[in-house]
Amino acid sequence: MALQYESGSWQDKAGCRGPESDQFFPPIKGERRQEKRDREVRAKNICAHCVVFGQCLDYALSVREVHGIWGGTSGTERRIMMGLSA
């Protein structure tokens, strides 16, 4: 499900809206295990300082998003939170 962007919403304040937004999803060509870990750490560090961290995670859980970093969690972490198989 694609994110429905609404101007003036929590999304406008998201720390991931900027030049490092590519850290939140894997590249199309794939990546090695260590590259993935490093990218996810960088993304989660951005989340840790984000003012809409909680709203982002709530959104990801409400739409059952299992890809990318949302609200400081990986797809695997959210699958576990939602009771899905990791």
PDB file of N, CA and C in Angstrom:
ATOM      1  N   MET A   1       0.846  -1.177   0.000  1.00  0.00           N
ATOM      2  CA  MET A   1       0.000   0.000   0.000  1.00  0.00           C
ATOM      3  C   MET A   1       0.891   1.240   0.000  1.00  0.00           C
ATOM      4  N   ALA A   2       0.640   2.154  -0.886  1.00  0.00           N
ATOM      5  CA  ALA A   2       1.436   3.372  -0.984  1.00  0.00           C
ATOM      6  C   ALA A   2       0.997   4.372   0.080  1.00  0.00           C
ATOM      7  N   LEU A   3       1.955   5.124   0.561  1.00  0.00           N
ATOM      8  CA  LEU A   3       1.684   6.158   1.552  1.00  0.00           C
ATOM      9  C   LEU A   3       0.845   7.249   0.918  1.00  0.00           C
ATOM     10  N   GLN A   4      -0.279   7.562   1.525  1.00  0.00           N
ATOM     11  CA  GLN A   4      -1.120   8.650   1.047  1.00  0.00           C
ATOM     12  C   GLN A   4      -0.627   9.932   1.704  1.00  0.00           C
ATOM     13  N   TYR A   5       0.055  10.750   0.926  1.00  0.00           N
ATOM     14  CA  TYR A   5       0.641  11.970   1.464  1.00  0.00           C
ATOM     15  C   TYR A   5      -0.407  13.062   1.571  1.00  0.00           C
ATOM     16  N   GLU A   6      -0.436  13.719   2.720  1.00  0.00           N
ATOM     17  CA  GLU A   6      -1.330  14.842   2.933  1.00  0.00           C
ATOM     18  C   GLU A   6      -0.500  16.023   3.405  1.00  0.00           C
ATOM     19  N   SER A   7      -0.499  17.095   2.638  1.00  0.00           N
ATOM     20  CA  SER A   7       0.245  18.292   3.018  1.00  0.00           C
ATOM     21  C   SER A   7      -0.260  18.798   4.365  1.00  0.00           C
ATOM     22  N   GLY A   8       0.663  19.187   5.218  1.00  0.00           N
ATOM     23  CA  GLY A   8       0.308  19.674   6.542  1.00  0.00           C
ATOM     24  C   GLY A   8       0.156  18.581   7.578  1.00  0.00           C
ATOM     25  N   SER A   9       0.412  17.346   7.198  1.00  0.00           N
ATOM     26  CA  SER A   9       0.277  16.226   8.126  1.00  0.00           C
ATOM     27  C   SER A   9       1.604  15.954   8.837  1.00  0.00           C
ATOM     28  N   TRP A  10       1.622  14.919   9.653  1.00  0.00           N
ATOM     29  CA  TRP A  10       2.836  14.533  10.374  1.00  0.00           C
ATOM     30  C   TRP A  10       3.987  14.270   9.415  1.00  0.00           C
ATOM     31  N   GLN A  11       3.662  13.851   8.198  1.00  0.00           N
ATOM     32  CA  GLN A  11       4.694  13.507   7.219  1.00  0.00           C
ATOM     33  C   GLN A  11       5.589  14.700   6.873  1.00  0.00           C
ATOM     34  N   ASP A  12       5.039  15.912   6.942  1.00  0.00           N
ATOM     35  CA  ASP A  12       5.837  17.107   6.649  1.00  0.00           C
ATOM     36  C   ASP A  12       6.965  17.302   7.656  1.00  0.00           C
ATOM     37  N   LYS A  13       6.804  16.760   8.851  1.00  0.00           N
ATOM     38  CA  LYS A  13       7.793  16.937   9.917  1.00  0.00           C
ATOM     39  C   LYS A  13       8.761  15.765  10.025  1.00  0.00           C
ATOM     40  N   ALA A  14       8.587  14.761   9.183  1.00  0.00           N
ATOM     41  CA  ALA A  14       9.384  13.534   9.271  1.00  0.00           C
ATOM     42  C   ALA A  14      10.859  13.781   8.968  1.00  0.00           C
ATOM     43  N   GLY A  15      11.716  13.209   9.793  1.00  0.00           N
ATOM     44  CA  GLY A  15      13.160  13.335   9.616  1.00  0.00           C
ATOM     45  C   GLY A  15      13.670  12.671   8.355  1.00  0.00           C
ATOM     46  N   CYS A  16      12.894  11.763   7.811  1.00  0.00           N
ATOM     47  CA  CYS A  16      13.318  11.038   6.606  1.00  0.00           C
ATOM     48  C   CYS A  16      13.045  11.823   5.333  1.00  0.00           C
ATOM     49  N   ARG A  17      12.417  12.962   5.429  1.00  0.00           N
ATOM     50  CA  ARG A  17      12.145  13.788   4.249  1.00  0.00           C
ATOM     51  C   ARG A  17      13.372  14.641   3.961  1.00  0.00           C
ATOM     52  N   GLY A  18      14.257  14.111   3.198  1.00  0.00           N
ATOM     53  CA  GLY A  18      15.463  14.858   2.894  1.00  0.00           C
ATOM     54  C   GLY A  18      16.438  14.043   2.081  1.00  0.00           C
ATOM     55  N   PRO A  19      17.669  14.515   2.044  1.00  0.00           N
ATOM     56  CA  PRO A  19      18.670  13.869   1.188  1.00  0.00           C
ATOM     57  C   PRO A  19      19.021  12.437   1.585  1.00  0.00           C
ATOM     58  N   GLU A  20      18.732  12.040   2.807  1.00  0.00           N
ATOM     59  CA  GLU A  20      19.065  10.683   3.234  1.00  0.00           C
ATOM     60  C   GLU A  20      17.860   9.742   3.197  1.00  0.00           C
ATOM     61  N   SER A  21      16.821  10.118   2.484  1.00  0.00           N
ATOM     62  CA  SER A  21      15.614   9.289   2.446  1.00  0.00           C
ATOM     63  C   SER A  21      15.865   7.916   1.829  1.00  0.00           C
ATOM     64  N   ASP A  22      16.916   7.785   1.041  1.00  0.00           N
ATOM     65  CA  ASP A  22      17.239   6.486   0.439  1.00  0.00           C
ATOM     66  C   ASP A  22      17.707   5.461   1.465  1.00  0.00           C
ATOM     67  N   GLN A  23      17.990   5.887   2.675  1.00  0.00           N
ATOM     68  CA  GLN A  23      18.432   4.971   3.729  1.00  0.00           C
ATOM     69  C   GLN A  23      17.298   4.096   4.250  1.00  0.00           C
ATOM     70  N   PHE A  24      16.064   4.467   3.976  1.00  0.00           N
ATOM     71  CA  PHE A  24      14.912   3.815   4.581  1.00  0.00           C
ATOM     72  C   PHE A  24      14.379   2.607   3.815  1.00  0.00           C
ATOM     73  N   PHE A  25      14.834   2.436   2.584  1.00  0.00           N
ATOM     74  CA  PHE A  25      14.413   1.299   1.761  1.00  0.00           C
ATOM     75  C   PHE A  25      15.618   0.745   1.026  1.00  0.00           C
ATOM     76  N   PRO A  26      15.635  -0.560   0.786  1.00  0.00           N
ATOM     77  CA  PRO A  26      16.782  -1.162   0.094  1.00  0.00           C
ATOM     78  C   PRO A  26      16.862  -0.696  -1.356  1.00  0.00           C
ATOM     79  N   PRO A  27      18.066  -0.666  -1.905  1.00  0.00           N
ATOM     80  CA  PRO A  27      18.213  -0.290  -3.314  1.00  0.00           C
ATOM     81  C   PRO A  27      17.591  -1.362  -4.213  1.00  0.00           C
ATOM     82  N   ILE A  28      17.197  -0.974  -5.387  1.00  0.00           N
ATOM     83  CA  ILE A  28      16.561  -1.899  -6.329  1.00  0.00           C
ATOM     84  C   ILE A  28      17.477  -3.064  -6.678  1.00  0.00           C
ATOM     85  N   LYS A  29      18.771  -2.804  -6.798  1.00  0.00           N
ATOM     86  CA  LYS A  29      19.721  -3.844  -7.214  1.00  0.00           C
ATOM     87  C   LYS A  29      20.054  -4.834  -6.113  1.00  0.00           C
ATOM     88  N   GLY A  30      19.591  -4.610  -4.903  1.00  0.00           N
ATOM     89  CA  GLY A  30      19.911  -5.490  -3.787  1.00  0.00           C
ATOM     90  C   GLY A  30      21.122  -4.994  -3.022  1.00  0.00           C
ATOM     91  N   GLU A  31      21.390  -5.638  -1.915  1.00  0.00           N
ATOM     92  CA  GLU A  31      22.523  -5.238  -1.086  1.00  0.00           C
ATOM     93  C   GLU A  31      22.996  -6.429  -0.271  1.00  0.00           C
ATOM     94  N   ARG A  32      24.238  -6.372   0.136  1.00  0.00           N
ATOM     95  CA  ARG A  32      24.801  -7.432   0.976  1.00  0.00           C
ATOM     96  C   ARG A  32      24.292  -7.268   2.396  1.00  0.00           C
ATOM     97  N   ARG A  33      24.402  -8.347   3.157  1.00  0.00           N
ATOM     98  CA  ARG A  33      23.889  -8.362   4.531  1.00  0.00           C
ATOM     99  C   ARG A  33      24.464  -7.214   5.367  1.00  0.00           C
ATOM    100  N   GLN A  34      25.772  -7.003   5.316  1.00  0.00           N
ATOM    101  CA  GLN A  34      26.384  -5.931   6.109  1.00  0.00           C
ATOM    102  C   GLN A  34      25.949  -4.553   5.612  1.00  0.00           C
ATOM    103  N   GLU A  35      25.799  -4.397   4.313  1.00  0.00           N
ATOM    104  CA  GLU A  35      25.316  -3.127   3.762  1.00  0.00           C
ATOM    105  C   GLU A  35      23.903  -2.834   4.269  1.00  0.00           C
ATOM    106  N   LYS A  36      23.078  -3.869   4.327  1.00  0.00           N
ATOM    107  CA  LYS A  36      21.714  -3.707   4.840  1.00  0.00           C
ATOM    108  C   LYS A  36      21.740  -3.290   6.302  1.00  0.00           C
ATOM    109  N   ARG A  37      22.550  -3.971   7.099  1.00  0.00           N
ATOM    110  CA  ARG A  37      22.648  -3.610   8.527  1.00  0.00           C
ATOM    111  C   ARG A  37      23.089  -2.157   8.690  1.00  0.00           C
ATOM    112  N   ASP A  38      24.115  -1.768   7.942  1.00  0.00           N
ATOM    113  CA  ASP A  38      24.635  -0.399   8.039  1.00  0.00           C
ATOM    114  C   ASP A  38      23.579   0.628   7.626  1.00  0.00           C
ATOM    115  N   ARG A  39      22.867   0.354   6.537  1.00  0.00           N
ATOM    116  CA  ARG A  39      21.830   1.262   6.055  1.00  0.00           C
ATOM    117  C   ARG A  39      20.713   1.384   7.086  1.00  0.00           C
ATOM    118  N   GLU A  40      20.295   0.259   7.656  1.00  0.00           N
ATOM    119  CA  GLU A  40      19.222   0.287   8.650  1.00  0.00           C
ATOM    120  C   GLU A  40      19.642   1.031   9.913  1.00  0.00           C
ATOM    121  N   VAL A  41      20.895   0.893  10.321  1.00  0.00           N
ATOM    122  CA  VAL A  41      21.388   1.642  11.486  1.00  0.00           C
ATOM    123  C   VAL A  41      21.330   3.140  11.200  1.00  0.00           C
ATOM    124  N   ARG A  42      21.759   3.547  10.006  1.00  0.00           N
ATOM    125  CA  ARG A  42      21.707   4.970   9.648  1.00  0.00           C
ATOM    126  C   ARG A  42      20.266   5.477   9.657  1.00  0.00           C
ATOM    127  N   ALA A  43      19.356   4.702   9.095  1.00  0.00           N
ATOM    128  CA  ALA A  43      17.946   5.107   9.068  1.00  0.00           C
ATOM    129  C   ALA A  43      17.374   5.196  10.481  1.00  0.00           C
ATOM    130  N   LYS A  44      17.661   4.208  11.302  1.00  0.00           N
ATOM    131  CA  LYS A  44      17.137   4.203  12.667  1.00  0.00           C
ATOM    132  C   LYS A  44      17.707   5.353  13.492  1.00  0.00           C
ATOM    133  N   ASN A  45      18.926   5.771  13.200  1.00  0.00           N
ATOM    134  CA  ASN A  45      19.497   6.937  13.886  1.00  0.00           C
ATOM    135  C   ASN A  45      18.729   8.202  13.524  1.00  0.00           C
ATOM    136  N   ILE A  46      18.301   8.313  12.278  1.00  0.00           N
ATOM    137  CA  ILE A  46      17.474   9.449  11.876  1.00  0.00           C
ATOM    138  C   ILE A  46      16.138   9.379  12.614  1.00  0.00           C
ATOM    139  N   CYS A  47      15.545   8.206  12.668  1.00  0.00           N
ATOM    140  CA  CYS A  47      14.268   8.018  13.377  1.00  0.00           C
ATOM    141  C   CYS A  47      14.379   8.394  14.858  1.00  0.00           C
ATOM    142  N   ALA A  48      15.498   8.061  15.460  1.00  0.00           N
ATOM    143  CA  ALA A  48      15.674   8.301  16.896  1.00  0.00           C
ATOM    144  C   ALA A  48      15.573   9.777  17.256  1.00  0.00           C
ATOM    145  N   HIS A  49      15.813  10.656  16.291  1.00  0.00           N
ATOM    146  CA  HIS A  49      15.754  12.096  16.543  1.00  0.00           C
ATOM    147  C   HIS A  49      14.537  12.746  15.888  1.00  0.00           C
ATOM    148  N   CYS A  50      13.628  11.944  15.387  1.00  0.00           N
ATOM    149  CA  CYS A  50      12.480  12.453  14.638  1.00  0.00           C
ATOM    150  C   CYS A  50      11.325  12.799  15.577  1.00  0.00           C
ATOM    151  N   VAL A  51      10.704  13.941  15.321  1.00  0.00           N
ATOM    152  CA  VAL A  51       9.605  14.396  16.182  1.00  0.00           C
ATOM    153  C   VAL A  51       8.296  13.654  15.919  1.00  0.00           C
ATOM    154  N   VAL A  52       8.204  12.933  14.806  1.00  0.00           N
ATOM    155  CA  VAL A  52       6.973  12.195  14.499  1.00  0.00           C
ATOM    156  C   VAL A  52       7.206  10.685  14.493  1.00  0.00           C
ATOM    157  N   PHE A  53       8.206  10.261  15.224  1.00  0.00           N
ATOM    158  CA  PHE A  53       8.585   8.856  15.343  1.00  0.00           C
ATOM    159  C   PHE A  53       7.377   7.965  15.651  1.00  0.00           C
ATOM    160  N   GLY A  54       6.618   8.313  16.662  1.00  0.00           N
ATOM    161  CA  GLY A  54       5.468   7.510  17.086  1.00  0.00           C
ATOM    162  C   GLY A  54       4.361   7.476  16.051  1.00  0.00           C
ATOM    163  N   GLN A  55       4.077   8.613  15.437  1.00  0.00           N
ATOM    164  CA  GLN A  55       3.037   8.665  14.410  1.00  0.00           C
ATOM    165  C   GLN A  55       3.427   7.822  13.200  1.00  0.00           C
ATOM    166  N   CYS A  56       4.695   7.841  12.869  1.00  0.00           N
ATOM    167  CA  CYS A  56       5.202   7.056  11.747  1.00  0.00           C
ATOM    168  C   CYS A  56       5.025   5.559  12.018  1.00  0.00           C
ATOM    169  N   LEU A  57       5.413   5.130  13.198  1.00  0.00           N
ATOM    170  CA  LEU A  57       5.262   3.719  13.552  1.00  0.00           C
ATOM    171  C   LEU A  57       3.789   3.324  13.589  1.00  0.00           C
ATOM    172  N   ASP A  58       2.953   4.169  14.173  1.00  0.00           N
ATOM    173  CA  ASP A  58       1.512   3.887  14.205  1.00  0.00           C
ATOM    174  C   ASP A  58       0.962   3.712  12.792  1.00  0.00           C
ATOM    175  N   TYR A  59       1.380   4.593  11.891  1.00  0.00           N
ATOM    176  CA  TYR A  59       0.922   4.497  10.501  1.00  0.00           C
ATOM    177  C   TYR A  59       1.356   3.168   9.888  1.00  0.00           C
ATOM    178  N   ALA A  60       2.636   2.842  10.024  1.00  0.00           N
ATOM    179  CA  ALA A  60       3.162   1.607   9.428  1.00  0.00           C
ATOM    180  C   ALA A  60       2.426   0.379   9.953  1.00  0.00           C
ATOM    181  N   LEU A  61       2.132   0.366  11.231  1.00  0.00           N
ATOM    182  CA  LEU A  61       1.405  -0.767  11.807  1.00  0.00           C
ATOM    183  C   LEU A  61      -0.047  -0.794  11.325  1.00  0.00           C
ATOM    184  N   SER A  62      -0.654   0.375  11.196  1.00  0.00           N
ATOM    185  CA  SER A  62      -2.066   0.422  10.794  1.00  0.00           C
ATOM    186  C   SER A  62      -2.278  -0.048   9.362  1.00  0.00           C
ATOM    187  N   VAL A  63      -1.287   0.169   8.495  1.00  0.00           N
ATOM    188  CA  VAL A  63      -1.415  -0.281   7.098  1.00  0.00           C
ATOM    189  C   VAL A  63      -0.660  -1.581   6.855  1.00  0.00           C
ATOM    190  N   ARG A  64      -0.121  -2.144   7.941  1.00  0.00           N
ATOM    191  CA  ARG A  64       0.608  -3.421   7.882  1.00  0.00           C
ATOM    192  C   ARG A  64       1.787  -3.365   6.906  1.00  0.00           C
ATOM    193  N   GLU A  65       2.523  -2.258   6.970  1.00  0.00           N
ATOM    194  CA  GLU A  65       3.697  -2.053   6.116  1.00  0.00           C
ATOM    195  C   GLU A  65       4.829  -2.966   6.575  1.00  0.00           C
ATOM    196  N   VAL A  66       5.336  -3.782   5.675  1.00  0.00           N
ATOM    197  CA  VAL A  66       6.398  -4.724   6.041  1.00  0.00           C
ATOM    198  C   VAL A  66       7.707  -4.452   5.296  1.00  0.00           C
ATOM    199  N   HIS A  67       7.785  -3.316   4.615  1.00  0.00           N
ATOM    200  CA  HIS A  67       9.004  -2.978   3.887  1.00  0.00           C
ATOM    201  C   HIS A  67       9.575  -1.665   4.404  1.00  0.00           C
ATOM    202  N   GLY A  68      10.888  -1.591   4.457  1.00  0.00           N
ATOM    203  CA  GLY A  68      11.551  -0.355   4.838  1.00  0.00           C
ATOM    204  C   GLY A  68      11.582  -0.108   6.335  1.00  0.00           C
ATOM    205  N   ILE A  69      12.196   1.012   6.687  1.00  0.00           N
ATOM    206  CA  ILE A  69      12.287   1.451   8.083  1.00  0.00           C
ATOM    207  C   ILE A  69      11.193   2.484   8.315  1.00  0.00           C
ATOM    208  N   TRP A  70      10.359   2.226   9.283  1.00  0.00           N
ATOM    209  CA  TRP A  70       9.268   3.138   9.662  1.00  0.00           C
ATOM    210  C   TRP A  70       9.258   3.233  11.187  1.00  0.00           C
ATOM    211  N   GLY A  71       9.236   4.442  11.710  1.00  0.00           N
ATOM    212  CA  GLY A  71       9.165   4.610  13.155  1.00  0.00           C
ATOM    213  C   GLY A  71      10.261   3.873  13.898  1.00  0.00           C
ATOM    214  N   GLY A  72      11.437   3.819  13.297  1.00  0.00           N
ATOM    215  CA  GLY A  72      12.582   3.185  13.946  1.00  0.00           C
ATOM    216  C   GLY A  72      12.564   1.671  13.957  1.00  0.00           C
ATOM    217  N   THR A  73      11.689   1.064  13.168  1.00  0.00           N
ATOM    218  CA  THR A  73      11.607  -0.398  13.130  1.00  0.00           C
ATOM    219  C   THR A  73      11.797  -0.911  11.706  1.00  0.00           C
ATOM    220  N   SER A  74      12.351  -2.093  11.620  1.00  0.00           N
ATOM    221  CA  SER A  74      12.520  -2.746  10.318  1.00  0.00           C
ATOM    222  C   SER A  74      11.249  -3.522   9.978  1.00  0.00           C
ATOM    223  N   GLY A  75      11.173  -3.972   8.745  1.00  0.00           N
ATOM    224  CA  GLY A  75      10.040  -4.798   8.349  1.00  0.00           C
ATOM    225  C   GLY A  75       9.925  -6.050   9.197  1.00  0.00           C
ATOM    226  N   THR A  76      11.050  -6.668   9.490  1.00  0.00           N
ATOM    227  CA  THR A  76      11.053  -7.873  10.329  1.00  0.00           C
ATOM    228  C   THR A  76      10.531  -7.564  11.726  1.00  0.00           C
ATOM    229  N   GLU A  77      10.978  -6.450  12.298  1.00  0.00           N
ATOM    230  CA  GLU A  77      10.524  -6.070  13.640  1.00  0.00           C
ATOM    231  C   GLU A  77       9.019  -5.796  13.656  1.00  0.00           C
ATOM    232  N   ARG A  78       8.515  -5.146  12.609  1.00  0.00           N
ATOM    233  CA  ARG A  78       7.072  -4.874  12.556  1.00  0.00           C
ATOM    234  C   ARG A  78       6.273  -6.149  12.330  1.00  0.00           C
ATOM    235  N   ARG A  79       6.792  -7.064  11.535  1.00  0.00           N
ATOM    236  CA  ARG A  79       6.090  -8.341  11.349  1.00  0.00           C
ATOM    237  C   ARG A  79       5.892  -9.027  12.698  1.00  0.00           C
ATOM    238  N   ILE A  80       6.922  -9.008  13.520  1.00  0.00           N
ATOM    239  CA  ILE A  80       6.838  -9.610  14.855  1.00  0.00           C
ATOM    240  C   ILE A  80       5.804  -8.865  15.699  1.00  0.00           C
ATOM    241  N   MET A  81       5.827  -7.529  15.649  1.00  0.00           N
ATOM    242  CA  MET A  81       4.870  -6.730  16.414  1.00  0.00           C
ATOM    243  C   MET A  81       3.428  -7.018  15.995  1.00  0.00           C
ATOM    244  N   MET A  82       3.238  -7.323  14.712  1.00  0.00           N
ATOM    245  CA  MET A  82       1.895  -7.587  14.186  1.00  0.00           C
ATOM    246  C   MET A  82       1.497  -9.053  14.299  1.00  0.00           C
ATOM    247  N   GLY A  83       2.400  -9.870  14.824  1.00  0.00           N
ATOM    248  CA  GLY A  83       2.105 -11.287  14.977  1.00  0.00           C
ATOM    249  C   GLY A  83       2.197 -12.074  13.683  1.00  0.00           C
ATOM    250  N   LEU A  84       2.944 -11.533  12.719  1.00  0.00           N
ATOM    251  CA  LEU A  84       3.168 -12.237  11.459  1.00  0.00           C
ATOM    252  C   LEU A  84       4.478 -12.987  11.548  1.00  0.00           C
ATOM    253  N   SER A  85       4.681 -13.944  10.683  1.00  0.00           N
ATOM    254  CA  SER A  85       5.964 -14.659  10.708  1.00  0.00           C
ATOM    255  C   SER A  85       7.060 -13.733  10.213  1.00  0.00           C
ATOM    256  N   ALA A  86       8.185 -13.756  10.905  1.00  0.00           N
ATOM    257  CA  ALA A  86       9.312 -12.888  10.552  1.00  0.00           C
ATOM    258  C   ALA A  86       9.989 -13.448   9.342  1.00  0.00           C
TER     259      ALA A  86
END
